Amino acid sequence: MDDGDRRIGVRQENNRGMAPPQKERTPFSDIDGLTAQMSEMVLAALTEMGRHPEIRRVRRTGFDALRPALGARLLDAGSGSGEVARRLAAEVGPRGEVIALDHSAAITAAAVSRHDNSNVEYVTGDVCALGLPGDCVDGVWCERVLQHVDDPDRAIAEMRRVTRPGGRICLIDTDWDSLAFDGVPRALQDTVLGYVNRHFTPPYRDMGRTLRRRLVAAGVTGLTATPVTMLFGSPDSAAVVLPMVNPRVPEDAWRTPPGLRDEWLAHVEAAGARGDFLAVLTIWVVAGSV
């Protein structure tokens, strides 16, 4: 196998330890356990999210915080379909390398199918038990992953272990408790979120705002913590990132009393038609040095 073949192959790593039991998990926590239809929907959602201007704004903040250098070897821990890994590969240049690791074999296969001949190696594995030697990368990118794992501090310890002294770790995650809407009845909003938060949002709803504390505990220094509040001015824009306003999400996924989903979506649509719909959600970008 030549070097190019090695980079576009899928290397299987340890697959232990991702997230709590299925009933407490979001679809993003166990993509390989979904039906083919749901798996395709999740992949499409990841792709669409990556193109959204607000997610791109979050990622620009992350790139500035990680500061990838020419020739660096980086790890994208929880790489999804690989769009960030390929962007990082462009940043480190032909002498650099990016390891794109994801827990899902299906998503990793999709990433391989989109490979662009950049210096990316695609790996299936577990962020809580990285199959990599210590001090082997110059930086780690981990975006919206830790909210889904059952032991985020163990995952952070693993990222620190594989990062060389002086290397950078950039963690990006959501503060779901910051989610708020306007233009829809407050009482209905509270009722709906009380139900859908049990399924659409992960157990670590506060992960974003805890990242700095977790990195302090892990001994990472020189920390910066930047809250990026995303604003969605229409239901169509919000639906790309927020499943609870997306009418394409199957009804059986909502787990709400009969009629509540339809009532909520009707109010969301009406707010969009009036032009007064608003949704906001804060994602935190926290980075520091080993």
C-alpha atoms as a PDB file:
ATOM      1  CA  MET A   1       0.000   0.000   0.000  1.00  0.00           C
ATOM      2  CA  ASP A   2       1.520   3.340  -1.053  1.00  0.00           C
ATOM      3  CA  ASP A   3       1.224   6.525   0.983  1.00  0.00           C
ATOM      4  CA  GLY A   4      -1.792   7.803  -0.927  1.00  0.00           C
ATOM      5  CA  ASP A   5      -3.658   4.517  -0.471  1.00  0.00           C
ATOM      6  CA  ARG A   6      -2.870   4.559   3.236  1.00  0.00           C
ATOM      7  CA  ARG A   7      -4.417   7.981   3.595  1.00  0.00           C
ATOM      8  CA  ILE A   8      -7.718   7.122   1.966  1.00  0.00           C
ATOM      9  CA  GLY A   9      -8.096   3.765   3.666  1.00  0.00           C
ATOM     10  CA  VAL A  10     -10.175   3.218   6.787  1.00  0.00           C
ATOM     11  CA  ARG A  11      -8.147   2.059   9.773  1.00  0.00           C
ATOM     12  CA  GLN A  12     -10.141   0.384  12.551  1.00  0.00           C
ATOM     13  CA  GLU A  13      -9.322   1.404  16.100  1.00  0.00           C
ATOM     14  CA  ASN A  14     -10.731   0.677  19.541  1.00  0.00           C
ATOM     15  CA  ASN A  15     -14.517   1.266  19.560  1.00  0.00           C
ATOM     16  CA  ARG A  16     -15.315   1.206  23.276  1.00  0.00           C
ATOM     17  CA  GLY A  17     -17.050   3.639  25.514  1.00  0.00           C
ATOM     18  CA  MET A  18     -19.153   6.085  23.481  1.00  0.00           C
ATOM     19  CA  ALA A  19     -22.101   7.537  25.359  1.00  0.00           C
ATOM     20  CA  PRO A  20     -24.900   6.323  27.650  1.00  0.00           C
ATOM     21  CA  PRO A  21     -27.585   3.728  26.806  1.00  0.00           C
ATOM     22  CA  GLN A  22     -29.534   4.304  23.590  1.00  0.00           C
ATOM     23  CA  LYS A  23     -32.679   5.623  25.261  1.00  0.00           C
ATOM     24  CA  GLU A  24     -30.640   8.526  26.665  1.00  0.00           C
ATOM     25  CA  ARG A  25     -28.753   9.278  23.463  1.00  0.00           C
ATOM     26  CA  THR A  26     -29.229  11.429  20.399  1.00  0.00           C
ATOM     27  CA  PRO A  27     -29.034   9.893  16.913  1.00  0.00           C
ATOM     28  CA  PHE A  28     -25.561  11.417  16.530  1.00  0.00           C
ATOM     29  CA  SER A  29     -24.266   9.249  19.391  1.00  0.00           C
ATOM     30  CA  ASP A  30     -24.809   5.918  17.634  1.00  0.00           C
ATOM     31  CA  ILE A  31     -25.049   6.456  13.903  1.00  0.00           C
ATOM     32  CA  ASP A  32     -24.071   2.873  13.085  1.00  0.00           C
ATOM     33  CA  GLY A  33     -26.986   1.640  15.197  1.00  0.00           C
ATOM     34  CA  LEU A  34     -29.567   3.561  13.175  1.00  0.00           C
ATOM     35  CA  THR A  35     -31.649   2.308  10.295  1.00  0.00           C
ATOM     36  CA  ALA A  36     -30.247   2.994   6.826  1.00  0.00           C
ATOM     37  CA  GLN A  37     -32.820   5.745   6.326  1.00  0.00           C
ATOM     38  CA  MET A  38     -31.968   7.486   9.597  1.00  0.00           C
ATOM     39  CA  SER A  39     -28.223   7.064   8.966  1.00  0.00           C
ATOM     40  CA  GLU A  40     -28.581   8.790   5.596  1.00  0.00           C
ATOM     41  CA  MET A  41     -30.616  11.553   7.251  1.00  0.00           C
ATOM     42  CA  VAL A  42     -27.925  12.133   9.887  1.00  0.00           C
ATOM     43  CA  LEU A  43     -25.173  12.241   7.240  1.00  0.00           C
ATOM     44  CA  ALA A  44     -27.204  14.720   5.203  1.00  0.00           C
ATOM     45  CA  ALA A  45     -27.762  16.794   8.345  1.00  0.00           C
ATOM     46  CA  LEU A  46     -24.023  16.859   9.110  1.00  0.00           C
ATOM     47  CA  THR A  47     -23.256  17.951   5.559  1.00  0.00           C
ATOM     48  CA  GLU A  48     -25.914  20.659   5.586  1.00  0.00           C
ATOM     49  CA  MET A  49     -24.777  21.931   8.980  1.00  0.00           C
ATOM     50  CA  GLY A  50     -21.208  22.227   7.753  1.00  0.00           C
ATOM     51  CA  ARG A  51     -22.388  24.565   5.001  1.00  0.00           C
ATOM     52  CA  HIS A  52     -24.448  26.794   7.289  1.00  0.00           C
ATOM     53  CA  PRO A  53     -22.992  30.317   7.652  1.00  0.00           C
ATOM     54  CA  GLU A  54     -23.354  30.258  11.448  1.00  0.00           C
ATOM     55  CA  ILE A  55     -21.497  26.952  11.796  1.00  0.00           C
ATOM     56  CA  ARG A  56     -18.826  28.291   9.454  1.00  0.00           C
ATOM     57  CA  ARG A  57     -18.521  31.330  11.728  1.00  0.00           C
ATOM     58  CA  VAL A  58     -17.990  29.044  14.711  1.00  0.00           C
ATOM     59  CA  ARG A  59     -15.337  27.113  12.792  1.00  0.00           C
ATOM     60  CA  ARG A  60     -13.482  30.257  11.752  1.00  0.00           C
ATOM     61  CA  THR A  61     -13.218  31.126  15.437  1.00  0.00           C
ATOM     62  CA  GLY A  62     -11.895  27.611  16.064  1.00  0.00           C
ATOM     63  CA  PHE A  63      -9.269  27.793  13.308  1.00  0.00           C
ATOM     64  CA  ASP A  64      -8.009  31.071  14.759  1.00  0.00           C
ATOM     65  CA  ALA A  65      -7.785  29.459  18.202  1.00  0.00           C
ATOM     66  CA  LEU A  66      -6.062  26.239  17.060  1.00  0.00           C
ATOM     67  CA  ARG A  67      -3.527  28.095  14.888  1.00  0.00           C
ATOM     68  CA  PRO A  68      -2.570  25.150  12.616  1.00  0.00           C
ATOM     69  CA  ALA A  69       0.973  25.535  11.301  1.00  0.00           C
ATOM     70  CA  LEU A  70       2.565  24.372   8.069  1.00  0.00           C
ATOM     71  CA  GLY A  71       3.954  20.866   8.434  1.00  0.00           C
ATOM     72  CA  ALA A  72       1.936  20.074  11.570  1.00  0.00           C
ATOM     73  CA  ARG A  73       0.339  16.711  12.294  1.00  0.00           C
ATOM     74  CA  LEU A  74      -3.193  17.195  13.605  1.00  0.00           C
ATOM     75  CA  LEU A  75      -5.989  15.016  14.965  1.00  0.00           C
ATOM     76  CA  ASP A  76      -9.630  15.749  14.205  1.00  0.00           C
ATOM     77  CA  ALA A  77     -11.306  13.832  17.033  1.00  0.00           C
ATOM     78  CA  GLY A  78     -14.859  13.140  15.910  1.00  0.00           C
ATOM     79  CA  SER A  79     -14.334  14.129  12.296  1.00  0.00           C
ATOM     80  CA  GLY A  80     -17.740  13.304  10.805  1.00  0.00           C
ATOM     81  CA  SER A  81     -17.707  13.366   7.030  1.00  0.00           C
ATOM     82  CA  GLY A  82     -14.256  14.942   7.036  1.00  0.00           C
ATOM     83  CA  GLU A  83     -14.850  18.474   5.785  1.00  0.00           C
ATOM     84  CA  VAL A  84     -12.947  20.072   8.685  1.00  0.00           C
ATOM     85  CA  ALA A  85     -10.132  17.521   8.427  1.00  0.00           C
ATOM     86  CA  ARG A  86      -9.680  18.371   4.763  1.00  0.00           C
ATOM     87  CA  ARG A  87      -9.700  22.089   5.567  1.00  0.00           C
ATOM     88  CA  LEU A  88      -7.070  21.505   8.247  1.00  0.00           C
ATOM     89  CA  ALA A  89      -5.001  19.514   5.739  1.00  0.00           C
ATOM     90  CA  ALA A  90      -4.980  22.562   3.484  1.00  0.00           C
ATOM     91  CA  GLU A  91      -3.759  24.652   6.418  1.00  0.00           C
ATOM     92  CA  VAL A  92      -0.831  22.332   7.302  1.00  0.00           C
ATOM     93  CA  GLY A  93       0.215  21.891   3.682  1.00  0.00           C
ATOM     94  CA  PRO A  94       1.765  18.928   1.839  1.00  0.00           C
ATOM     95  CA  ARG A  95       4.310  18.267   4.580  1.00  0.00           C
ATOM     96  CA  GLY A  96       1.616  18.088   7.243  1.00  0.00           C
ATOM     97  CA  GLU A  97      -0.981  15.433   7.984  1.00  0.00           C
ATOM     98  CA  VAL A  98      -4.423  15.151   9.538  1.00  0.00           C
ATOM     99  CA  ILE A  99      -5.821  12.063  11.252  1.00  0.00           C
ATOM    100  CA  ALA A 100      -9.614  12.127  10.879  1.00  0.00           C
ATOM    101  CA  LEU A 101     -11.070   9.869  13.577  1.00  0.00           C
ATOM    102  CA  ASP A 102     -14.749   9.115  13.995  1.00  0.00           C
ATOM    103  CA  HIS A 103     -16.689   6.534  15.999  1.00  0.00           C
ATOM    104  CA  SER A 104     -19.021   5.686  13.129  1.00  0.00           C
ATOM    105  CA  ALA A 105     -17.838   3.304  10.419  1.00  0.00           C
ATOM    106  CA  ALA A 106     -20.657   4.509   8.144  1.00  0.00           C
ATOM    107  CA  ILE A 107     -19.698   8.163   8.494  1.00  0.00           C
ATOM    108  CA  THR A 108     -16.016   7.326   8.059  1.00  0.00           C
ATOM    109  CA  ALA A 109     -16.841   5.479   4.840  1.00  0.00           C
ATOM    110  CA  ALA A 110     -18.742   8.554   3.660  1.00  0.00           C
ATOM    111  CA  ALA A 111     -15.700  10.694   4.489  1.00  0.00           C
ATOM    112  CA  VAL A 112     -13.468   8.395   2.440  1.00  0.00           C
ATOM    113  CA  SER A 113     -15.868   8.682  -0.498  1.00  0.00           C
ATOM    114  CA  ARG A 114     -15.399  12.469  -0.388  1.00  0.00           C
ATOM    115  CA  HIS A 115     -11.617  12.369  -0.149  1.00  0.00           C
ATOM    116  CA  ASP A 116      -9.874  15.103  -2.158  1.00  0.00           C
ATOM    117  CA  ASN A 117      -6.299  13.720  -2.235  1.00  0.00           C
ATOM    118  CA  SER A 118      -5.254  15.884   0.701  1.00  0.00           C
ATOM    119  CA  ASN A 119      -3.049  14.482   3.461  1.00  0.00           C
ATOM    120  CA  VAL A 120      -5.857  12.971   5.518  1.00  0.00           C
ATOM    121  CA  GLU A 121      -5.905   9.514   7.064  1.00  0.00           C
ATOM    122  CA  TYR A 122      -9.406   8.294   7.982  1.00  0.00           C
ATOM    123  CA  VAL A 123      -9.730   6.202  11.129  1.00  0.00           C
ATOM    124  CA  THR A 124     -12.620   4.649  13.040  1.00  0.00           C
ATOM    125  CA  GLY A 125     -12.081   4.773  16.773  1.00  0.00           C
ATOM    126  CA  ASP A 126     -13.098   6.076  20.169  1.00  0.00           C
ATOM    127  CA  VAL A 127     -12.153   9.523  21.458  1.00  0.00           C
ATOM    128  CA  CYS A 128     -12.160   8.062  24.969  1.00  0.00           C
ATOM    129  CA  ALA A 129      -9.538   5.431  24.057  1.00  0.00           C
ATOM    130  CA  LEU A 130      -7.422   6.745  21.213  1.00  0.00           C
ATOM    131  CA  GLY A 131      -5.337   4.071  19.522  1.00  0.00           C
ATOM    132  CA  LEU A 132      -2.442   6.492  19.096  1.00  0.00           C
ATOM    133  CA  PRO A 133       0.937   6.773  20.851  1.00  0.00           C
ATOM    134  CA  GLY A 134       1.625   9.621  23.228  1.00  0.00           C
ATOM    135  CA  ASP A 135       3.016  12.933  22.010  1.00  0.00           C
ATOM    136  CA  CYS A 136       2.270  12.086  18.368  1.00  0.00           C
ATOM    137  CA  VAL A 137       0.309  15.129  17.150  1.00  0.00           C
ATOM    138  CA  ASP A 138       0.861  18.866  17.211  1.00  0.00           C
ATOM    139  CA  GLY A 139      -2.758  19.745  17.736  1.00  0.00           C
ATOM    140  CA  VAL A 140      -6.276  18.407  18.275  1.00  0.00           C
ATOM    141  CA  TRP A 141      -9.594  19.667  16.946  1.00  0.00           C
ATOM    142  CA  CYS A 142     -12.759  18.316  18.604  1.00  0.00           C
ATOM    143  CA  GLU A 143     -16.049  19.857  17.501  1.00  0.00           C
ATOM    144  CA  ARG A 144     -19.459  19.110  19.051  1.00  0.00           C
ATOM    145  CA  VAL A 145     -18.388  15.637  20.151  1.00  0.00           C
ATOM    146  CA  LEU A 146     -17.894  15.731  23.912  1.00  0.00           C
ATOM    147  CA  GLN A 147     -21.586  16.423  24.547  1.00  0.00           C
ATOM    148  CA  HIS A 148     -22.262  12.898  23.259  1.00  0.00           C
ATOM    149  CA  VAL A 149     -19.633  10.792  25.072  1.00  0.00           C
ATOM    150  CA  ASP A 150     -20.140   9.151  28.446  1.00  0.00           C
ATOM    151  CA  ASP A 151     -16.801  10.339  29.903  1.00  0.00           C
ATOM    152  CA  PRO A 152     -15.727  13.658  28.372  1.00  0.00           C
ATOM    153  CA  ASP A 153     -12.896  14.168  30.855  1.00  0.00           C
ATOM    154  CA  ARG A 154     -11.391  10.838  29.840  1.00  0.00           C
ATOM    155  CA  ALA A 155     -11.609  11.938  26.208  1.00  0.00           C
ATOM    156  CA  ILE A 156      -9.864  15.229  27.033  1.00  0.00           C
ATOM    157  CA  ALA A 157      -7.150  13.315  28.918  1.00  0.00           C
ATOM    158  CA  GLU A 158      -6.626  11.184  25.808  1.00  0.00           C
ATOM    159  CA  MET A 159      -6.340  14.270  23.614  1.00  0.00           C
ATOM    160  CA  ARG A 160      -3.796  15.732  25.988  1.00  0.00           C
ATOM    161  CA  ARG A 161      -1.855  12.454  26.075  1.00  0.00           C
ATOM    162  CA  VAL A 162      -1.414  12.305  22.302  1.00  0.00           C
ATOM    163  CA  THR A 163      -0.506  16.017  21.973  1.00  0.00           C
ATOM    164  CA  ARG A 164       3.163  16.957  22.039  1.00  0.00           C
ATOM    165  CA  PRO A 165       4.372  19.567  24.549  1.00  0.00           C
ATOM    166  CA  GLY A 166       3.618  22.966  23.111  1.00  0.00           C
ATOM    167  CA  GLY A 167       0.816  21.582  20.966  1.00  0.00           C
ATOM    168  CA  ARG A 168      -2.669  23.048  20.869  1.00  0.00           C
ATOM    169  CA  ILE A 169      -6.054  21.587  21.774  1.00  0.00           C
ATOM    170  CA  CYS A 170      -9.219  23.255  20.482  1.00  0.00           C
ATOM    171  CA  LEU A 171     -12.575  22.096  21.831  1.00  0.00           C
ATOM    172  CA  ILE A 172     -15.864  23.315  20.404  1.00  0.00           C
ATOM    173  CA  ASP A 173     -19.191  22.439  21.950  1.00  0.00           C
ATOM    174  CA  THR A 174     -22.751  23.533  22.524  1.00  0.00           C
ATOM    175  CA  ASP A 175     -24.454  25.081  25.536  1.00  0.00           C
ATOM    176  CA  TRP A 176     -27.953  23.723  24.891  1.00  0.00           C
ATOM    177  CA  ASP A 177     -29.300  25.556  27.923  1.00  0.00           C
ATOM    178  CA  SER A 178     -28.721  28.787  25.994  1.00  0.00           C
ATOM    179  CA  LEU A 179     -31.264  27.782  23.331  1.00  0.00           C
ATOM    180  CA  ALA A 180     -34.088  30.332  23.112  1.00  0.00           C
ATOM    181  CA  PHE A 181     -36.825  31.310  20.680  1.00  0.00           C
ATOM    182  CA  ASP A 182     -38.889  34.381  19.975  1.00  0.00           C
ATOM    183  CA  GLY A 183     -42.039  34.728  17.904  1.00  0.00           C
ATOM    184  CA  VAL A 184     -43.642  31.584  19.352  1.00  0.00           C
ATOM    185  CA  PRO A 185     -45.746  31.344  22.555  1.00  0.00           C
ATOM    186  CA  ARG A 186     -43.465  31.054  25.581  1.00  0.00           C
ATOM    187  CA  ALA A 187     -45.617  28.475  27.362  1.00  0.00           C
ATOM    188  CA  LEU A 188     -45.686  26.263  24.273  1.00  0.00           C
ATOM    189  CA  GLN A 189     -41.929  26.660  23.831  1.00  0.00           C
ATOM    190  CA  ASP A 190     -41.296  25.555  27.417  1.00  0.00           C
ATOM    191  CA  THR A 191     -43.615  22.554  27.054  1.00  0.00           C
ATOM    192  CA  VAL A 192     -42.104  21.399  23.764  1.00  0.00           C
ATOM    193  CA  LEU A 193     -38.509  21.801  24.908  1.00  0.00           C
ATOM    194  CA  GLY A 194     -39.297  19.883  28.053  1.00  0.00           C
ATOM    195  CA  TYR A 195     -40.096  16.875  25.871  1.00  0.00           C
ATOM    196  CA  VAL A 196     -37.668  17.161  22.986  1.00  0.00           C
ATOM    197  CA  ASN A 197     -34.655  17.951  25.169  1.00  0.00           C
ATOM    198  CA  ARG A 198     -34.840  14.372  26.391  1.00  0.00           C
ATOM    199  CA  HIS A 199     -34.122  13.075  22.895  1.00  0.00           C
ATOM    200  CA  PHE A 200     -32.837  15.778  20.564  1.00  0.00           C
ATOM    201  CA  THR A 201     -30.246  17.206  22.940  1.00  0.00           C
ATOM    202  CA  PRO A 202     -27.529  15.122  24.638  1.00  0.00           C
ATOM    203  CA  PRO A 203     -27.102  14.377  28.344  1.00  0.00           C
ATOM    204  CA  TYR A 204     -24.303  16.962  28.678  1.00  0.00           C
ATOM    205  CA  ARG A 205     -26.483  19.928  27.787  1.00  0.00           C
ATOM    206  CA  ASP A 206     -24.020  22.359  29.403  1.00  0.00           C
ATOM    207  CA  MET A 207     -20.887  20.955  27.752  1.00  0.00           C
ATOM    208  CA  GLY A 208     -19.932  24.164  25.962  1.00  0.00           C
ATOM    209  CA  ARG A 209     -19.627  26.317  29.040  1.00  0.00           C
ATOM    210  CA  THR A 210     -17.792  23.584  31.000  1.00  0.00           C
ATOM    211  CA  LEU A 211     -14.974  23.164  28.457  1.00  0.00           C
ATOM    212  CA  ARG A 212     -12.683  25.737  30.048  1.00  0.00           C
ATOM    213  CA  ARG A 213     -13.017  24.172  33.478  1.00  0.00           C
ATOM    214  CA  ARG A 214     -12.332  20.722  32.073  1.00  0.00           C
ATOM    215  CA  LEU A 215      -9.198  21.879  30.250  1.00  0.00           C
ATOM    216  CA  VAL A 216      -7.956  23.634  33.402  1.00  0.00           C
ATOM    217  CA  ALA A 217      -8.359  20.338  35.275  1.00  0.00           C
ATOM    218  CA  ALA A 218      -6.461  18.535  32.509  1.00  0.00           C
ATOM    219  CA  GLY A 219      -3.495  20.876  32.912  1.00  0.00           C
ATOM    220  CA  VAL A 220      -3.904  22.714  29.613  1.00  0.00           C
ATOM    221  CA  THR A 221      -2.639  26.294  29.875  1.00  0.00           C
ATOM    222  CA  GLY A 222      -2.908  29.637  28.098  1.00  0.00           C
ATOM    223  CA  LEU A 223      -6.623  29.130  27.625  1.00  0.00           C
ATOM    224  CA  THR A 224      -8.943  31.266  25.557  1.00  0.00           C
ATOM    225  CA  ALA A 225     -12.713  30.801  25.797  1.00  0.00           C
ATOM    226  CA  THR A 226     -14.949  32.394  23.195  1.00  0.00           C
ATOM    227  CA  PRO A 227     -18.758  32.154  23.194  1.00  0.00           C
ATOM    228  CA  VAL A 228     -20.193  32.316  19.684  1.00  0.00           C
ATOM    229  CA  THR A 229     -23.931  32.980  19.704  1.00  0.00           C
ATOM    230  CA  MET A 230     -25.566  31.743  16.525  1.00  0.00           C
ATOM    231  CA  LEU A 231     -28.621  33.614  15.299  1.00  0.00           C
ATOM    232  CA  PHE A 232     -31.295  32.069  13.084  1.00  0.00           C
ATOM    233  CA  GLY A 233     -33.760  34.538  11.618  1.00  0.00           C
ATOM    234  CA  SER A 234     -35.994  32.061   9.830  1.00  0.00           C
ATOM    235  CA  PRO A 235     -37.331  28.553  10.505  1.00  0.00           C
ATOM    236  CA  ASP A 236     -35.537  27.216   7.398  1.00  0.00           C
ATOM    237  CA  SER A 237     -32.191  28.505   8.641  1.00  0.00           C
ATOM    238  CA  ALA A 238     -32.781  27.205  12.172  1.00  0.00           C
ATOM    239  CA  ALA A 239     -33.913  23.775  10.966  1.00  0.00           C
ATOM    240  CA  VAL A 240     -30.438  23.043   9.598  1.00  0.00           C
ATOM    241  CA  VAL A 241     -28.980  23.059  13.124  1.00  0.00           C
ATOM    242  CA  LEU A 242     -31.999  22.660  15.428  1.00  0.00           C
ATOM    243  CA  PRO A 243     -33.951  19.413  14.951  1.00  0.00           C
ATOM    244  CA  MET A 244     -36.862  20.627  17.073  1.00  0.00           C
ATOM    245  CA  VAL A 245     -37.872  23.093  14.348  1.00  0.00           C
ATOM    246  CA  ASN A 246     -37.210  20.755  11.436  1.00  0.00           C
ATOM    247  CA  PRO A 247     -40.452  19.296  10.015  1.00  0.00           C
ATOM    248  CA  ARG A 248     -38.435  16.653   8.138  1.00  0.00           C
ATOM    249  CA  VAL A 249     -37.520  14.925  11.399  1.00  0.00           C
ATOM    250  CA  PRO A 250     -39.851  11.881  11.625  1.00  0.00           C
ATOM    251  CA  GLU A 251     -42.806  12.254  13.955  1.00  0.00           C
ATOM    252  CA  ASP A 252     -41.878   9.155  15.976  1.00  0.00           C
ATOM    253  CA  ALA A 253     -38.566  10.771  16.880  1.00  0.00           C
ATOM    254  CA  TRP A 254     -40.245  13.577  18.811  1.00  0.00           C
ATOM    255  CA  ARG A 255     -41.716  11.458  21.611  1.00  0.00           C
ATOM    256  CA  THR A 256     -44.262  14.158  22.426  1.00  0.00           C
ATOM    257  CA  PRO A 257     -47.985  13.824  23.220  1.00  0.00           C
ATOM    258  CA  PRO A 258     -50.281  13.606  20.179  1.00  0.00           C
ATOM    259  CA  GLY A 259     -50.730  16.924  18.437  1.00  0.00           C
ATOM    260  CA  LEU A 260     -48.014  18.822  20.312  1.00  0.00           C
ATOM    261  CA  ARG A 261     -45.423  18.543  17.517  1.00  0.00           C
ATOM    262  CA  ASP A 262     -47.878  19.773  14.891  1.00  0.00           C
ATOM    263  CA  GLU A 263     -49.035  22.667  17.081  1.00  0.00           C
ATOM    264  CA  TRP A 264     -45.443  23.731  17.708  1.00  0.00           C
ATOM    265  CA  LEU A 265     -44.401  23.517  14.055  1.00  0.00           C
ATOM    266  CA  ALA A 266     -47.509  25.449  13.023  1.00  0.00           C
ATOM    267  CA  HIS A 267     -46.513  28.308  15.340  1.00  0.00           C
ATOM    268  CA  VAL A 268     -42.920  28.157  14.056  1.00  0.00           C
ATOM    269  CA  GLU A 269     -44.160  28.354  10.458  1.00  0.00           C
ATOM    270  CA  ALA A 270     -46.491  31.234  11.299  1.00  0.00           C
ATOM    271  CA  ALA A 271     -43.666  33.159  12.962  1.00  0.00           C
ATOM    272  CA  GLY A 272     -41.568  32.621   9.869  1.00  0.00           C
ATOM    273  CA  ALA A 273     -44.358  33.917   7.631  1.00  0.00           C
ATOM    274  CA  ARG A 274     -44.720  37.031   9.809  1.00  0.00           C
ATOM    275  CA  GLY A 275     -40.973  37.572   9.777  1.00  0.00           C
ATOM    276  CA  ASP A 276     -40.621  37.664  13.564  1.00  0.00           C
ATOM    277  CA  PHE A 277     -39.160  34.178  14.159  1.00  0.00           C
ATOM    278  CA  LEU A 278     -35.865  34.098  16.039  1.00  0.00           C
ATOM    279  CA  ALA A 279     -33.731  31.326  17.506  1.00  0.00           C
ATOM    280  CA  VAL A 280     -30.389  31.721  19.282  1.00  0.00           C
ATOM    281  CA  LEU A 281     -27.882  29.125  20.505  1.00  0.00           C
ATOM    282  CA  THR A 282     -24.381  29.594  21.934  1.00  0.00           C
ATOM    283  CA  ILE A 283     -21.443  27.386  21.023  1.00  0.00           C
ATOM    284  CA  TRP A 284     -18.164  27.750  22.957  1.00  0.00           C
ATOM    285  CA  VAL A 285     -14.693  27.631  21.403  1.00  0.00           C
ATOM    286  CA  VAL A 286     -12.010  26.901  24.022  1.00  0.00           C
ATOM    287  CA  ALA A 287      -8.337  26.347  23.214  1.00  0.00           C
ATOM    288  CA  GLY A 288      -5.009  26.134  24.989  1.00  0.00           C
ATOM    289  CA  SER A 289      -1.533  24.641  24.964  1.00  0.00           C
ATOM    290  CA  VAL A 290      -0.107  21.435  26.399  1.00  0.00           C
END
